[in-house]
Amino acid sequence: MSHAALSPRARTAVALRYGADLAEAEVADAMNVTRGTVATTLFRARRDPAAATRGE
């Protein structure tokens, strides 16, 4: 799957979590969202890319 297929939020979360190797809590702080939002966004990006594109 191309990163371009993801929403901006999902792309950012994926880049920070896996590219920058940050913990979910650190990603949440960087994105100014809750850890739960990060977890859900990453889950959707991995499991259902179509849902991640709608996840804004």
PDB file of N, CA and C in Angstrom:
ATOM      1  N   MET A   1       0.843  -1.170   0.000  1.00  0.00           N
ATOM      2  CA  MET A   1       0.000   0.000   0.000  1.00  0.00           C
ATOM      3  C   MET A   1       0.890   1.235   0.000  1.00  0.00           C
ATOM      4  N   SER A   2       0.508   2.191  -0.769  1.00  0.00           N
ATOM      5  CA  SER A   2       1.224   3.451  -0.850  1.00  0.00           C
ATOM      6  C   SER A   2       0.835   4.346   0.314  1.00  0.00           C
ATOM      7  N   HIS A   3       1.814   5.081   0.822  1.00  0.00           N
ATOM      8  CA  HIS A   3       1.499   6.051   1.870  1.00  0.00           C
ATOM      9  C   HIS A   3       0.549   7.122   1.354  1.00  0.00           C
ATOM     10  N   ALA A   4       0.579   7.376   0.055  1.00  0.00           N
ATOM     11  CA  ALA A   4      -0.290   8.393  -0.527  1.00  0.00           C
ATOM     12  C   ALA A   4      -1.765   8.025  -0.374  1.00  0.00           C
ATOM     13  N   ALA A   5      -2.067   6.747  -0.206  1.00  0.00           N
ATOM     14  CA  ALA A   5      -3.458   6.304  -0.050  1.00  0.00           C
ATOM     15  C   ALA A   5      -3.999   6.609   1.337  1.00  0.00           C
ATOM     16  N   LEU A   6      -3.135   6.960   2.279  1.00  0.00           N
ATOM     17  CA  LEU A   6      -3.566   7.228   3.649  1.00  0.00           C
ATOM     18  C   LEU A   6      -3.945   8.695   3.832  1.00  0.00           C
ATOM     19  N   SER A   7      -4.781   8.932   4.831  1.00  0.00           N
ATOM     20  CA  SER A   7      -5.125  10.308   5.187  1.00  0.00           C
ATOM     21  C   SER A   7      -3.875  10.996   5.747  1.00  0.00           C
ATOM     22  N   PRO A   8      -3.868  12.315   5.762  1.00  0.00           N
ATOM     23  CA  PRO A   8      -2.719  13.022   6.347  1.00  0.00           C
ATOM     24  C   PRO A   8      -2.438  12.599   7.793  1.00  0.00           C
ATOM     25  N   ARG A   9      -3.504  12.422   8.589  1.00  0.00           N
ATOM     26  CA  ARG A   9      -3.292  12.000   9.974  1.00  0.00           C
ATOM     27  C   ARG A   9      -2.668  10.614  10.039  1.00  0.00           C
ATOM     28  N   ALA A  10      -3.156   9.686   9.224  1.00  0.00           N
ATOM     29  CA  ALA A  10      -2.608   8.330   9.221  1.00  0.00           C
ATOM     30  C   ALA A  10      -1.164   8.334   8.734  1.00  0.00           C
ATOM     31  N   ARG A  11      -0.866   9.107   7.698  1.00  0.00           N
ATOM     32  CA  ARG A  11       0.507   9.195   7.191  1.00  0.00           C
ATOM     33  C   ARG A  11       1.447   9.704   8.269  1.00  0.00           C
ATOM     34  N   THR A  12       1.002  10.746   8.976  1.00  0.00           N
ATOM     35  CA  THR A  12       1.833  11.314  10.041  1.00  0.00           C
ATOM     36  C   THR A  12       2.057  10.302  11.148  1.00  0.00           C
ATOM     37  N   ALA A  13       0.996   9.638  11.575  1.00  0.00           N
ATOM     38  CA  ALA A  13       1.117   8.648  12.651  1.00  0.00           C
ATOM     39  C   ALA A  13       2.047   7.512  12.252  1.00  0.00           C
ATOM     40  N   VAL A  14       1.901   7.002  11.038  1.00  0.00           N
ATOM     41  CA  VAL A  14       2.760   5.909  10.555  1.00  0.00           C
ATOM     42  C   VAL A  14       4.215   6.372  10.491  1.00  0.00           C
ATOM     43  N   ALA A  15       4.444   7.571   9.960  1.00  0.00           N
ATOM     44  CA  ALA A  15       5.815   8.083   9.835  1.00  0.00           C
ATOM     45  C   ALA A  15       6.474   8.257  11.198  1.00  0.00           C
ATOM     46  N   LEU A  16       5.727   8.785  12.155  1.00  0.00           N
ATOM     47  CA  LEU A  16       6.301   8.993  13.485  1.00  0.00           C
ATOM     48  C   LEU A  16       6.505   7.684  14.227  1.00  0.00           C
ATOM     49  N   ARG A  17       5.524   6.792  14.138  1.00  0.00           N
ATOM     50  CA  ARG A  17       5.610   5.535  14.894  1.00  0.00           C
ATOM     51  C   ARG A  17       6.663   4.596  14.331  1.00  0.00           C
ATOM     52  N   TYR A  18       6.643   4.413  13.021  1.00  0.00           N
ATOM     53  CA  TYR A  18       7.532   3.418  12.420  1.00  0.00           C
ATOM     54  C   TYR A  18       8.768   4.037  11.782  1.00  0.00           C
ATOM     55  N   GLY A  19       8.633   5.224  11.218  1.00  0.00           N
ATOM     56  CA  GLY A  19       9.789   5.882  10.605  1.00  0.00           C
ATOM     57  C   GLY A  19      10.715   6.481  11.646  1.00  0.00           C
ATOM     58  N   ALA A  20      10.141   7.215  12.600  1.00  0.00           N
ATOM     59  CA  ALA A  20      10.934   7.857  13.650  1.00  0.00           C
ATOM     60  C   ALA A  20      11.070   6.976  14.886  1.00  0.00           C
ATOM     61  N   ASP A  21      10.396   5.819  14.883  1.00  0.00           N
ATOM     62  CA  ASP A  21      10.472   4.846  15.974  1.00  0.00           C
ATOM     63  C   ASP A  21      10.053   5.436  17.325  1.00  0.00           C
ATOM     64  N   LEU A  22       8.993   6.257  17.292  1.00  0.00           N
ATOM     65  CA  LEU A  22       8.471   6.820  18.530  1.00  0.00           C
ATOM     66  C   LEU A  22       7.430   5.881  19.127  1.00  0.00           C
ATOM     67  N   ALA A  23       7.296   5.936  20.428  1.00  0.00           N
ATOM     68  CA  ALA A  23       6.234   5.200  21.118  1.00  0.00           C
ATOM     69  C   ALA A  23       4.895   5.866  20.809  1.00  0.00           C
ATOM     70  N   GLU A  24       3.805   5.128  20.983  1.00  0.00           N
ATOM     71  CA  GLU A  24       2.485   5.696  20.715  1.00  0.00           C
ATOM     72  C   GLU A  24       2.237   6.957  21.528  1.00  0.00           C
ATOM     73  N   ALA A  25       2.669   6.971  22.773  1.00  0.00           N
ATOM     74  CA  ALA A  25       2.472   8.156  23.620  1.00  0.00           C
ATOM     75  C   ALA A  25       3.241   9.353  23.067  1.00  0.00           C
ATOM     76  N   GLU A  26       4.433   9.112  22.549  1.00  0.00           N
ATOM     77  CA  GLU A  26       5.223  10.195  21.960  1.00  0.00           C
ATOM     78  C   GLU A  26       4.586  10.708  20.668  1.00  0.00           C
ATOM     79  N   VAL A  27       4.041   9.791  19.874  1.00  0.00           N
ATOM     80  CA  VAL A  27       3.338  10.176  18.654  1.00  0.00           C
ATOM     81  C   VAL A  27       2.126  11.027  19.025  1.00  0.00           C
ATOM     82  N   ALA A  28       1.393  10.609  20.044  1.00  0.00           N
ATOM     83  CA  ALA A  28       0.220  11.354  20.491  1.00  0.00           C
ATOM     84  C   ALA A  28       0.606  12.766  20.912  1.00  0.00           C
ATOM     85  N   ASP A  29       1.676  12.899  21.665  1.00  0.00           N
ATOM     86  CA  ASP A  29       2.134  14.227  22.083  1.00  0.00           C
ATOM     87  C   ASP A  29       2.512  15.073  20.871  1.00  0.00           C
ATOM     88  N   ALA A  30       3.228  14.487  19.933  1.00  0.00           N
ATOM     89  CA  ALA A  30       3.672  15.222  18.745  1.00  0.00           C
ATOM     90  C   ALA A  30       2.504  15.672  17.880  1.00  0.00           C
ATOM     91  N   MET A  31       1.445  14.855  17.840  1.00  0.00           N
ATOM     92  CA  MET A  31       0.287  15.158  16.997  1.00  0.00           C
ATOM     93  C   MET A  31      -0.814  15.897  17.760  1.00  0.00           C
ATOM     94  N   ASN A  32      -0.623  16.075  19.069  1.00  0.00           N
ATOM     95  CA  ASN A  32      -1.616  16.743  19.915  1.00  0.00           C
ATOM     96  C   ASN A  32      -2.972  16.026  19.870  1.00  0.00           C
ATOM     97  N   VAL A  33      -2.911  14.700  19.984  1.00  0.00           N
ATOM     98  CA  VAL A  33      -4.105  13.862  20.056  1.00  0.00           C
ATOM     99  C   VAL A  33      -3.903  12.870  21.196  1.00  0.00           C
ATOM    100  N   THR A  34      -4.937  12.103  21.513  1.00  0.00           N
ATOM    101  CA  THR A  34      -4.806  11.107  22.578  1.00  0.00           C
ATOM    102  C   THR A  34      -4.069   9.871  22.060  1.00  0.00           C
ATOM    103  N   ARG A  35      -3.529   9.103  22.990  1.00  0.00           N
ATOM    104  CA  ARG A  35      -2.872   7.860  22.636  1.00  0.00           C
ATOM    105  C   ARG A  35      -3.854   6.908  21.962  1.00  0.00           C
ATOM    106  N   GLY A  36      -5.099   6.920  22.413  1.00  0.00           N
ATOM    107  CA  GLY A  36      -6.125   6.083  21.802  1.00  0.00           C
ATOM    108  C   GLY A  36      -6.366   6.430  20.339  1.00  0.00           C
ATOM    109  N   THR A  37      -6.327   7.718  20.024  1.00  0.00           N
ATOM    110  CA  THR A  37      -6.481   8.140  18.634  1.00  0.00           C
ATOM    111  C   THR A  37      -5.337   7.615  17.788  1.00  0.00           C
ATOM    112  N   VAL A  38      -4.132   7.678  18.320  1.00  0.00           N
ATOM    113  CA  VAL A  38      -2.968   7.152  17.600  1.00  0.00           C
ATOM    114  C   VAL A  38      -3.117   5.653  17.391  1.00  0.00           C
ATOM    115  N   ALA A  39      -3.473   4.933  18.437  1.00  0.00           N
ATOM    116  CA  ALA A  39      -3.620   3.480  18.333  1.00  0.00           C
ATOM    117  C   ALA A  39      -4.671   3.106  17.293  1.00  0.00           C
ATOM    118  N   THR A  40      -5.805   3.788  17.328  1.00  0.00           N
ATOM    119  CA  THR A  40      -6.871   3.504  16.367  1.00  0.00           C
ATOM    120  C   THR A  40      -6.439   3.840  14.946  1.00  0.00           C
ATOM    121  N   THR A  41      -5.786   4.977  14.781  1.00  0.00           N
ATOM    122  CA  THR A  41      -5.323   5.395  13.458  1.00  0.00           C
ATOM    123  C   THR A  41      -4.337   4.394  12.889  1.00  0.00           C
ATOM    124  N   LEU A  42      -3.389   3.944  13.706  1.00  0.00           N
ATOM    125  CA  LEU A  42      -2.400   2.964  13.235  1.00  0.00           C
ATOM    126  C   LEU A  42      -3.065   1.629  12.926  1.00  0.00           C
ATOM    127  N   PHE A  43      -3.988   1.207  13.773  1.00  0.00           N
ATOM    128  CA  PHE A  43      -4.699  -0.043  13.550  1.00  0.00           C
ATOM    129  C   PHE A  43      -5.432  -0.001  12.213  1.00  0.00           C
ATOM    130  N   ARG A  44      -6.157   1.074  11.983  1.00  0.00           N
ATOM    131  CA  ARG A  44      -6.914   1.194  10.731  1.00  0.00           C
ATOM    132  C   ARG A  44      -5.994   1.271   9.516  1.00  0.00           C
ATOM    133  N   ALA A  45      -4.883   1.943   9.664  1.00  0.00           N
ATOM    134  CA  ALA A  45      -3.939   2.061   8.550  1.00  0.00           C
ATOM    135  C   ALA A  45      -3.360   0.699   8.173  1.00  0.00           C
ATOM    136  N   ARG A  46      -3.129  -0.140   9.174  1.00  0.00           N
ATOM    137  CA  ARG A  46      -2.587  -1.482   8.898  1.00  0.00           C
ATOM    138  C   ARG A  46      -3.666  -2.432   8.415  1.00  0.00           C
ATOM    139  N   ARG A  47      -4.825  -2.383   9.018  1.00  0.00           N
ATOM    140  CA  ARG A  47      -5.860  -3.383   8.744  1.00  0.00           C
ATOM    141  C   ARG A  47      -6.736  -3.029   7.553  1.00  0.00           C
ATOM    142  N   ASP A  48      -7.116  -1.773   7.469  1.00  0.00           N
ATOM    143  CA  ASP A  48      -8.064  -1.358   6.438  1.00  0.00           C
ATOM    144  C   ASP A  48      -7.661   0.004   5.903  1.00  0.00           C
ATOM    145  N   PRO A  49      -6.778   0.047   4.915  1.00  0.00           N
ATOM    146  CA  PRO A  49      -6.317   1.338   4.391  1.00  0.00           C
ATOM    147  C   PRO A  49      -7.462   2.249   3.947  1.00  0.00           C
ATOM    148  N   ALA A  50      -8.561   1.682   3.461  1.00  0.00           N
ATOM    149  CA  ALA A  50      -9.695   2.510   3.043  1.00  0.00           C
ATOM    150  C   ALA A  50     -10.297   3.240   4.231  1.00  0.00           C
ATOM    151  N   ALA A  51     -10.369   2.592   5.400  1.00  0.00           N
ATOM    152  CA  ALA A  51     -10.891   3.243   6.590  1.00  0.00           C
ATOM    153  C   ALA A  51      -9.944   4.354   7.041  1.00  0.00           C
ATOM    154  N   ALA A  52      -8.653   4.140   6.905  1.00  0.00           N
ATOM    155  CA  ALA A  52      -7.678   5.154   7.308  1.00  0.00           C
ATOM    156  C   ALA A  52      -7.791   6.398   6.443  1.00  0.00           C
ATOM    157  N   THR A  53      -8.171   6.231   5.191  1.00  0.00           N
ATOM    158  CA  THR A  53      -8.313   7.399   4.322  1.00  0.00           C
ATOM    159  C   THR A  53      -9.531   8.215   4.704  1.00  0.00           C
ATOM    160  N   ARG A  54     -10.517   7.578   5.320  1.00  0.00           N
ATOM    161  CA  ARG A  54     -11.724   8.283   5.760  1.00  0.00           C
ATOM    162  C   ARG A  54     -11.571   8.817   7.182  1.00  0.00           C
ATOM    163  N   GLY A  55     -10.490   8.433   7.877  1.00  0.00           N
ATOM    164  CA  GLY A  55     -10.354   8.681   9.306  1.00  0.00           C
ATOM    165  C   GLY A  55     -10.021  10.084   9.736  1.00  0.00           C
ATOM    166  N   GLU A  56     -10.201  11.046   8.902  1.00  0.00           N
ATOM    167  CA  GLU A  56      -9.928  12.418   9.284  1.00  0.00           C
ATOM    168  C   GLU A  56     -10.954  12.869  10.213  1.00  0.00           C
TER     169      GLU A  56
END
